[in-house]
Amino acid sequence: MGYLAKDLSPEQRIAIESLLGRPISEQEAISVRAYDPNPPVSDQRRREIIEGLKAHFAEVDAHRPASTADEAEEAFEEAMRQSRLG
């Protein structure tokens, strides 16, 4: 649902400007969206997600070239060096 700034009540305008940290112009369109970042997940849905991830990673592994333990260790060490640069 959207609102035009010109149609907001003074209280709504103050609240929105406070959240945005700036004044809004009369021509701006305002929309508000709220969501739960941690929605409850049923056990069945959790199993579906896990199975989907397992299938995805199995597919990735199937197309990944084989490597030795030394090559894997070298790749890991390089990734660690790259992550520490910044």
PDB file of N, CA and C in Angstrom:
ATOM      1  N   MET A   1       0.854  -1.173   0.000  1.00  0.00           N
ATOM      2  CA  MET A   1       0.000   0.000   0.000  1.00  0.00           C
ATOM      3  C   MET A   1       0.900   1.237   0.000  1.00  0.00           C
ATOM      4  N   GLY A   2       0.615   2.184  -0.835  1.00  0.00           N
ATOM      5  CA  GLY A   2       1.432   3.382  -0.926  1.00  0.00           C
ATOM      6  C   GLY A   2       0.665   4.634  -0.547  1.00  0.00           C
ATOM      7  N   TYR A   3       1.411   5.637  -0.156  1.00  0.00           N
ATOM      8  CA  TYR A   3       0.835   6.918   0.247  1.00  0.00           C
ATOM      9  C   TYR A   3       1.610   8.026  -0.444  1.00  0.00           C
ATOM     10  N   LEU A   4       0.922   9.105  -0.696  1.00  0.00           N
ATOM     11  CA  LEU A   4       1.604  10.301  -1.168  1.00  0.00           C
ATOM     12  C   LEU A   4       1.912  11.158   0.048  1.00  0.00           C
ATOM     13  N   ALA A   5       3.101  11.733   0.072  1.00  0.00           N
ATOM     14  CA  ALA A   5       3.513  12.538   1.219  1.00  0.00           C
ATOM     15  C   ALA A   5       2.512  13.651   1.497  1.00  0.00           C
ATOM     16  N   LYS A   6       1.946  14.224   0.441  1.00  0.00           N
ATOM     17  CA  LYS A   6       1.007  15.332   0.632  1.00  0.00           C
ATOM     18  C   LYS A   6      -0.264  14.904   1.357  1.00  0.00           C
ATOM     19  N   ASP A   7      -0.562  13.599   1.371  1.00  0.00           N
ATOM     20  CA  ASP A   7      -1.777  13.105   2.016  1.00  0.00           C
ATOM     21  C   ASP A   7      -1.555  12.615   3.446  1.00  0.00           C
ATOM     22  N   LEU A   8      -0.322  12.667   3.945  1.00  0.00           N
ATOM     23  CA  LEU A   8      -0.026  12.178   5.286  1.00  0.00           C
ATOM     24  C   LEU A   8      -0.485  13.166   6.351  1.00  0.00           C
ATOM     25  N   SER A   9      -0.865  12.621   7.481  1.00  0.00           N
ATOM     26  CA  SER A   9      -1.176  13.496   8.626  1.00  0.00           C
ATOM     27  C   SER A   9       0.149  14.034   9.161  1.00  0.00           C
ATOM     28  N   PRO A  10       0.096  15.127   9.920  1.00  0.00           N
ATOM     29  CA  PRO A  10       1.348  15.655  10.493  1.00  0.00           C
ATOM     30  C   PRO A  10       2.086  14.614  11.342  1.00  0.00           C
ATOM     31  N   GLU A  11       1.351  13.799  12.081  1.00  0.00           N
ATOM     32  CA  GLU A  11       1.985  12.774  12.915  1.00  0.00           C
ATOM     33  C   GLU A  11       2.672  11.711  12.054  1.00  0.00           C
ATOM     34  N   GLN A  12       2.008  11.299  10.979  1.00  0.00           N
ATOM     35  CA  GLN A  12       2.608  10.314  10.081  1.00  0.00           C
ATOM     36  C   GLN A  12       3.868  10.882   9.430  1.00  0.00           C
ATOM     37  N   ARG A  13       3.785  12.122   8.997  1.00  0.00           N
ATOM     38  CA  ARG A  13       4.919  12.777   8.349  1.00  0.00           C
ATOM     39  C   ARG A  13       6.120  12.845   9.306  1.00  0.00           C
ATOM     40  N   ILE A  14       5.873  13.222  10.554  1.00  0.00           N
ATOM     41  CA  ILE A  14       6.939  13.306  11.551  1.00  0.00           C
ATOM     42  C   ILE A  14       7.567  11.924  11.772  1.00  0.00           C
ATOM     43  N   ALA A  15       6.721  10.911  11.876  1.00  0.00           N
ATOM     44  CA  ALA A  15       7.226   9.556  12.107  1.00  0.00           C
ATOM     45  C   ALA A  15       8.094   9.087  10.934  1.00  0.00           C
ATOM     46  N   ILE A  16       7.626   9.317   9.725  1.00  0.00           N
ATOM     47  CA  ILE A  16       8.376   8.885   8.537  1.00  0.00           C
ATOM     48  C   ILE A  16       9.680   9.660   8.409  1.00  0.00           C
ATOM     49  N   GLU A  17       9.626  10.949   8.594  1.00  0.00           N
ATOM     50  CA  GLU A  17      10.845  11.752   8.511  1.00  0.00           C
ATOM     51  C   GLU A  17      11.845  11.341   9.589  1.00  0.00           C
ATOM     52  N   SER A  18      11.337  10.986  10.748  1.00  0.00           N
ATOM     53  CA  SER A  18      12.208  10.521  11.824  1.00  0.00           C
ATOM     54  C   SER A  18      12.891   9.209  11.435  1.00  0.00           C
ATOM     55  N   LEU A  19      12.127   8.282  10.860  1.00  0.00           N
ATOM     56  CA  LEU A  19      12.703   7.006  10.427  1.00  0.00           C
ATOM     57  C   LEU A  19      13.706   7.188   9.288  1.00  0.00           C
ATOM     58  N   LEU A  20      13.394   8.068   8.347  1.00  0.00           N
ATOM     59  CA  LEU A  20      14.282   8.302   7.209  1.00  0.00           C
ATOM     60  C   LEU A  20      15.493   9.158   7.576  1.00  0.00           C
ATOM     61  N   GLY A  21      15.322   9.974   8.578  1.00  0.00           N
ATOM     62  CA  GLY A  21      16.404  10.868   8.967  1.00  0.00           C
ATOM     63  C   GLY A  21      16.543  12.061   8.056  1.00  0.00           C
ATOM     64  N   ARG A  22      15.453  12.398   7.377  1.00  0.00           N
ATOM     65  CA  ARG A  22      15.461  13.551   6.461  1.00  0.00           C
ATOM     66  C   ARG A  22      14.028  13.987   6.205  1.00  0.00           C
ATOM     67  N   PRO A  23      13.870  15.236   5.772  1.00  0.00           N
ATOM     68  CA  PRO A  23      12.519  15.689   5.409  1.00  0.00           C
ATOM     69  C   PRO A  23      12.049  15.011   4.114  1.00  0.00           C
ATOM     70  N   ILE A  24      10.756  14.872   3.978  1.00  0.00           N
ATOM     71  CA  ILE A  24      10.206  14.346   2.727  1.00  0.00           C
ATOM     72  C   ILE A  24       9.503  15.477   1.989  1.00  0.00           C
ATOM     73  N   SER A  25       9.512  15.388   0.667  1.00  0.00           N
ATOM     74  CA  SER A  25       8.841  16.418  -0.134  1.00  0.00           C
ATOM     75  C   SER A  25       7.398  16.002  -0.385  1.00  0.00           C
ATOM     76  N   GLU A  26       6.583  16.963  -0.721  1.00  0.00           N
ATOM     77  CA  GLU A  26       5.160  16.713  -0.982  1.00  0.00           C
ATOM     78  C   GLU A  26       4.948  15.730  -2.131  1.00  0.00           C
ATOM     79  N   GLN A  27       5.882  15.660  -3.074  1.00  0.00           N
ATOM     80  CA  GLN A  27       5.721  14.817  -4.260  1.00  0.00           C
ATOM     81  C   GLN A  27       6.150  13.365  -4.021  1.00  0.00           C
ATOM     82  N   GLU A  28       6.768  13.072  -2.905  1.00  0.00           N
ATOM     83  CA  GLU A  28       7.280  11.715  -2.674  1.00  0.00           C
ATOM     84  C   GLU A  28       6.153  10.731  -2.418  1.00  0.00           C
ATOM     85  N   ALA A  29       6.348   9.529  -2.916  1.00  0.00           N
ATOM     86  CA  ALA A  29       5.449   8.413  -2.625  1.00  0.00           C
ATOM     87  C   ALA A  29       6.081   7.612  -1.496  1.00  0.00           C
ATOM     88  N   ILE A  30       5.287   7.219  -0.553  1.00  0.00           N
ATOM     89  CA  ILE A  30       5.759   6.509   0.632  1.00  0.00           C
ATOM     90  C   ILE A  30       5.121   5.131   0.647  1.00  0.00           C
ATOM     91  N   SER A  31       5.941   4.118   0.849  1.00  0.00           N
ATOM     92  CA  SER A  31       5.405   2.774   1.078  1.00  0.00           C
ATOM     93  C   SER A  31       6.139   2.189   2.270  1.00  0.00           C
ATOM     94  N   VAL A  32       5.439   1.387   3.033  1.00  0.00           N
ATOM     95  CA  VAL A  32       5.989   0.801   4.241  1.00  0.00           C
ATOM     96  C   VAL A  32       5.881  -0.702   4.121  1.00  0.00           C
ATOM     97  N   ARG A  33       6.969  -1.365   4.506  1.00  0.00           N
ATOM     98  CA  ARG A  33       6.982  -2.821   4.447  1.00  0.00           C
ATOM     99  C   ARG A  33       7.536  -3.347   5.762  1.00  0.00           C
ATOM    100  N   ALA A  34       6.861  -4.292   6.350  1.00  0.00           N
ATOM    101  CA  ALA A  34       7.324  -4.913   7.582  1.00  0.00           C
ATOM    102  C   ALA A  34       7.401  -6.417   7.358  1.00  0.00           C
ATOM    103  N   TYR A  35       8.406  -7.038   7.946  1.00  0.00           N
ATOM    104  CA  TYR A  35       8.520  -8.482   7.835  1.00  0.00           C
ATOM    105  C   TYR A  35       9.197  -9.036   9.074  1.00  0.00           C
ATOM    106  N   ASP A  36       8.989 -10.291   9.322  1.00  0.00           N
ATOM    107  CA  ASP A  36       9.616 -10.984  10.439  1.00  0.00           C
ATOM    108  C   ASP A  36      10.883 -11.641   9.908  1.00  0.00           C
ATOM    109  N   PRO A  37      12.062 -11.192  10.351  1.00  0.00           N
ATOM    110  CA  PRO A  37      13.297 -11.766   9.827  1.00  0.00           C
ATOM    111  C   PRO A  37      13.533 -13.202  10.287  1.00  0.00           C
ATOM    112  N   ASN A  38      12.799 -13.651  11.271  1.00  0.00           N
ATOM    113  CA  ASN A  38      12.939 -15.013  11.785  1.00  0.00           C
ATOM    114  C   ASN A  38      11.579 -15.692  11.882  1.00  0.00           C
ATOM    115  N   PRO A  39      10.913 -15.872  10.733  1.00  0.00           N
ATOM    116  CA  PRO A  39       9.581 -16.475  10.804  1.00  0.00           C
ATOM    117  C   PRO A  39       9.681 -17.930  11.256  1.00  0.00           C
ATOM    118  N   PRO A  40       8.671 -18.417  11.942  1.00  0.00           N
ATOM    119  CA  PRO A  40       8.700 -19.812  12.361  1.00  0.00           C
ATOM    120  C   PRO A  40       8.663 -20.731  11.143  1.00  0.00           C
ATOM    121  N   VAL A  41       9.433 -21.798  11.204  1.00  0.00           N
ATOM    122  CA  VAL A  41       9.495 -22.757  10.100  1.00  0.00           C
ATOM    123  C   VAL A  41       9.051 -24.106  10.653  1.00  0.00           C
ATOM    124  N   SER A  42       8.112 -24.726   9.967  1.00  0.00           N
ATOM    125  CA  SER A  42       7.629 -26.029  10.420  1.00  0.00           C
ATOM    126  C   SER A  42       8.729 -27.076  10.223  1.00  0.00           C
ATOM    127  N   ASP A  43       8.611 -28.164  10.962  1.00  0.00           N
ATOM    128  CA  ASP A  43       9.585 -29.253  10.818  1.00  0.00           C
ATOM    129  C   ASP A  43       9.585 -29.790   9.389  1.00  0.00           C
ATOM    130  N   GLN A  44       8.403 -29.894   8.794  1.00  0.00           N
ATOM    131  CA  GLN A  44       8.305 -30.386   7.412  1.00  0.00           C
ATOM    132  C   GLN A  44       9.025 -29.442   6.463  1.00  0.00           C
ATOM    133  N   ARG A  45       8.808 -28.151   6.599  1.00  0.00           N
ATOM    134  CA  ARG A  45       9.465 -27.171   5.719  1.00  0.00           C
ATOM    135  C   ARG A  45      10.969 -27.187   5.932  1.00  0.00           C
ATOM    136  N   ARG A  46      11.403 -27.338   7.187  1.00  0.00           N
ATOM    137  CA  ARG A  46      12.830 -27.412   7.492  1.00  0.00           C
ATOM    138  C   ARG A  46      13.461 -28.618   6.779  1.00  0.00           C
ATOM    139  N   ARG A  47      12.778 -29.774   6.813  1.00  0.00           N
ATOM    140  CA  ARG A  47      13.288 -30.970   6.115  1.00  0.00           C
ATOM    141  C   ARG A  47      13.368 -30.733   4.610  1.00  0.00           C
ATOM    142  N   GLU A  48      12.349 -30.056   4.052  1.00  0.00           N
ATOM    143  CA  GLU A  48      12.359 -29.750   2.618  1.00  0.00           C
ATOM    144  C   GLU A  48      13.544 -28.858   2.256  1.00  0.00           C
ATOM    145  N   ILE A  49      13.800 -27.870   3.080  1.00  0.00           N
ATOM    146  CA  ILE A  49      14.918 -26.960   2.829  1.00  0.00           C
ATOM    147  C   ILE A  49      16.238 -27.716   2.893  1.00  0.00           C
ATOM    148  N   ILE A  50      16.397 -28.553   3.903  1.00  0.00           N
ATOM    149  CA  ILE A  50      17.631 -29.328   4.053  1.00  0.00           C
ATOM    150  C   ILE A  50      17.830 -30.250   2.861  1.00  0.00           C
ATOM    151  N   GLU A  51      16.787 -30.936   2.451  1.00  0.00           N
ATOM    152  CA  GLU A  51      16.897 -31.839   1.298  1.00  0.00           C
ATOM    153  C   GLU A  51      17.237 -31.062   0.021  1.00  0.00           C
ATOM    154  N   GLY A  52      16.642 -29.883  -0.131  1.00  0.00           N
ATOM    155  CA  GLY A  52      16.953 -29.043  -1.287  1.00  0.00           C
ATOM    156  C   GLY A  52      18.409 -28.608  -1.294  1.00  0.00           C
ATOM    157  N   LEU A  53      18.924 -28.242  -0.116  1.00  0.00           N
ATOM    158  CA  LEU A  53      20.338 -27.856  -0.020  1.00  0.00           C
ATOM    159  C   LEU A  53      21.254 -29.037  -0.310  1.00  0.00           C
ATOM    160  N   LYS A  54      20.913 -30.207   0.220  1.00  0.00           N
ATOM    161  CA  LYS A  54      21.719 -31.393  -0.046  1.00  0.00           C
ATOM    162  C   LYS A  54      21.759 -31.690  -1.545  1.00  0.00           C
ATOM    163  N   ALA A  55      20.612 -31.601  -2.213  1.00  0.00           N
ATOM    164  CA  ALA A  55      20.558 -31.846  -3.655  1.00  0.00           C
ATOM    165  C   ALA A  55      21.389 -30.816  -4.414  1.00  0.00           C
ATOM    166  N   HIS A  56      21.286 -29.559  -4.001  1.00  0.00           N
ATOM    167  CA  HIS A  56      22.051 -28.495  -4.661  1.00  0.00           C
ATOM    168  C   HIS A  56      23.548 -28.740  -4.530  1.00  0.00           C
ATOM    169  N   PHE A  57      24.009 -29.034  -3.313  1.00  0.00           N
ATOM    170  CA  PHE A  57      25.439 -29.237  -3.112  1.00  0.00           C
ATOM    171  C   PHE A  57      25.935 -30.524  -3.768  1.00  0.00           C
ATOM    172  N   ALA A  58      25.081 -31.535  -3.851  1.00  0.00           N
ATOM    173  CA  ALA A  58      25.463 -32.752  -4.572  1.00  0.00           C
ATOM    174  C   ALA A  58      25.666 -32.435  -6.047  1.00  0.00           C
ATOM    175  N   GLU A  59      24.817 -31.601  -6.604  1.00  0.00           N
ATOM    176  CA  GLU A  59      24.946 -31.184  -8.007  1.00  0.00           C
ATOM    177  C   GLU A  59      26.218 -30.376  -8.211  1.00  0.00           C
ATOM    178  N   VAL A  60      26.500 -29.461  -7.294  1.00  0.00           N
ATOM    179  CA  VAL A  60      27.730 -28.667  -7.374  1.00  0.00           C
ATOM    180  C   VAL A  60      28.945 -29.589  -7.304  1.00  0.00           C
ATOM    181  N   ASP A  61      28.937 -30.516  -6.358  1.00  0.00           N
ATOM    182  CA  ASP A  61      30.057 -31.448  -6.214  1.00  0.00           C
ATOM    183  C   ASP A  61      30.231 -32.327  -7.445  1.00  0.00           C
ATOM    184  N   ALA A  62      29.137 -32.701  -8.081  1.00  0.00           N
ATOM    185  CA  ALA A  62      29.220 -33.558  -9.269  1.00  0.00           C
ATOM    186  C   ALA A  62      29.930 -32.863 -10.420  1.00  0.00           C
ATOM    187  N   HIS A  63      29.876 -31.552 -10.478  1.00  0.00           N
ATOM    188  CA  HIS A  63      30.511 -30.801 -11.566  1.00  0.00           C
ATOM    189  C   HIS A  63      31.847 -30.185 -11.182  1.00  0.00           C
ATOM    190  N   ARG A  64      32.252 -30.436  -9.940  1.00  0.00           N
ATOM    191  CA  ARG A  64      33.508 -29.871  -9.456  1.00  0.00           C
ATOM    192  C   ARG A  64      34.641 -30.823  -9.811  1.00  0.00           C
ATOM    193  N   PRO A  65      35.749 -30.284 -10.353  1.00  0.00           N
ATOM    194  CA  PRO A  65      36.867 -31.163 -10.665  1.00  0.00           C
ATOM    195  C   PRO A  65      37.445 -31.772  -9.385  1.00  0.00           C
ATOM    196  N   ALA A  66      37.892 -33.011  -9.497  1.00  0.00           N
ATOM    197  CA  ALA A  66      38.483 -33.686  -8.346  1.00  0.00           C
ATOM    198  C   ALA A  66      39.771 -32.983  -7.946  1.00  0.00           C
ATOM    199  N   SER A  67      40.060 -33.011  -6.648  1.00  0.00           N
ATOM    200  CA  SER A  67      41.295 -32.396  -6.180  1.00  0.00           C
ATOM    201  C   SER A  67      41.895 -33.262  -5.083  1.00  0.00           C
ATOM    202  N   THR A  68      43.177 -33.084  -4.900  1.00  0.00           N
ATOM    203  CA  THR A  68      43.866 -33.827  -3.855  1.00  0.00           C
ATOM    204  C   THR A  68      43.699 -33.081  -2.536  1.00  0.00           C
ATOM    205  N   ALA A  69      44.070 -33.735  -1.447  1.00  0.00           N
ATOM    206  CA  ALA A  69      43.999 -33.096  -0.129  1.00  0.00           C
ATOM    207  C   ALA A  69      44.921 -31.880  -0.086  1.00  0.00           C
ATOM    208  N   ASP A  70      46.094 -31.979  -0.736  1.00  0.00           N
ATOM    209  CA  ASP A  70      47.028 -30.849  -0.763  1.00  0.00           C
ATOM    210  C   ASP A  70      46.436 -29.667  -1.518  1.00  0.00           C
ATOM    211  N   GLU A  71      45.762 -29.930  -2.643  1.00  0.00           N
ATOM    212  CA  GLU A  71      45.133 -28.852  -3.413  1.00  0.00           C
ATOM    213  C   GLU A  71      44.012 -28.203  -2.606  1.00  0.00           C
ATOM    214  N   ALA A  72      43.242 -29.015  -1.900  1.00  0.00           N
ATOM    215  CA  ALA A  72      42.159 -28.483  -1.073  1.00  0.00           C
ATOM    216  C   ALA A  72      42.726 -27.607   0.044  1.00  0.00           C
ATOM    217  N   GLU A  73      43.798 -28.068   0.673  1.00  0.00           N
ATOM    218  CA  GLU A  73      44.426 -27.296   1.742  1.00  0.00           C
ATOM    219  C   GLU A  73      44.979 -25.983   1.202  1.00  0.00           C
ATOM    220  N   GLU A  74      45.592 -26.034   0.033  1.00  0.00           N
ATOM    221  CA  GLU A  74      46.136 -24.825  -0.599  1.00  0.00           C
ATOM    222  C   GLU A  74      45.022 -23.828  -0.913  1.00  0.00           C
ATOM    223  N   ALA A  75      43.902 -24.319  -1.433  1.00  0.00           N
ATOM    224  CA  ALA A  75      42.770 -23.440  -1.746  1.00  0.00           C
ATOM    225  C   ALA A  75      42.206 -22.818  -0.476  1.00  0.00           C
ATOM    226  N   PHE A  76      42.124 -23.622   0.582  1.00  0.00           N
ATOM    227  CA  PHE A  76      41.623 -23.115   1.853  1.00  0.00           C
ATOM    228  C   PHE A  76      42.541 -22.024   2.401  1.00  0.00           C
ATOM    229  N   GLU A  77      43.840 -22.272   2.378  1.00  0.00           N
ATOM    230  CA  GLU A  77      44.795 -21.292   2.882  1.00  0.00           C
ATOM    231  C   GLU A  77      44.747 -20.005   2.070  1.00  0.00           C
ATOM    232  N   GLU A  78      44.595 -20.121   0.752  1.00  0.00           N
ATOM    233  CA  GLU A  78      44.494 -18.926  -0.093  1.00  0.00           C
ATOM    234  C   GLU A  78      43.228 -18.144   0.245  1.00  0.00           C
ATOM    235  N   ALA A  79      42.126 -18.841   0.443  1.00  0.00           N
ATOM    236  CA  ALA A  79      40.870 -18.170   0.816  1.00  0.00           C
ATOM    237  C   ALA A  79      41.023 -17.448   2.158  1.00  0.00           C
ATOM    238  N   MET A  80      41.709 -18.065   3.094  1.00  0.00           N
ATOM    239  CA  MET A  80      41.921 -17.436   4.392  1.00  0.00           C
ATOM    240  C   MET A  80      42.799 -16.186   4.235  1.00  0.00           C
ATOM    241  N   ARG A  81      43.850 -16.272   3.424  1.00  0.00           N
ATOM    242  CA  ARG A  81      44.705 -15.094   3.192  1.00  0.00           C
ATOM    243  C   ARG A  81      43.891 -13.973   2.566  1.00  0.00           C
ATOM    244  N   GLN A  82      43.072 -14.288   1.590  1.00  0.00           N
ATOM    245  CA  GLN A  82      42.260 -13.267   0.901  1.00  0.00           C
ATOM    246  C   GLN A  82      41.266 -12.622   1.853  1.00  0.00           C
ATOM    247  N   SER A  83      40.704 -13.405   2.764  1.00  0.00           N
ATOM    248  CA  SER A  83      39.700 -12.852   3.678  1.00  0.00           C
ATOM    249  C   SER A  83      40.333 -11.956   4.722  1.00  0.00           C
ATOM    250  N   ARG A  84      41.604 -12.096   4.962  1.00  0.00           N
ATOM    251  CA  ARG A  84      42.284 -11.310   5.995  1.00  0.00           C
ATOM    252  C   ARG A  84      42.932 -10.047   5.440  1.00  0.00           C
ATOM    253  N   LEU A  85      42.926  -9.875   4.131  1.00  0.00           N
ATOM    254  CA  LEU A  85      43.583  -8.712   3.536  1.00  0.00           C
ATOM    255  C   LEU A  85      42.971  -7.397   3.988  1.00  0.00           C
ATOM    256  N   GLY A  86      41.664  -7.369   4.124  1.00  0.00           N
ATOM    257  CA  GLY A  86      40.986  -6.116   4.484  1.00  0.00           C
ATOM    258  C   GLY A  86      40.906  -5.955   5.952  1.00  0.00           C
TER     259      GLY A  86
END
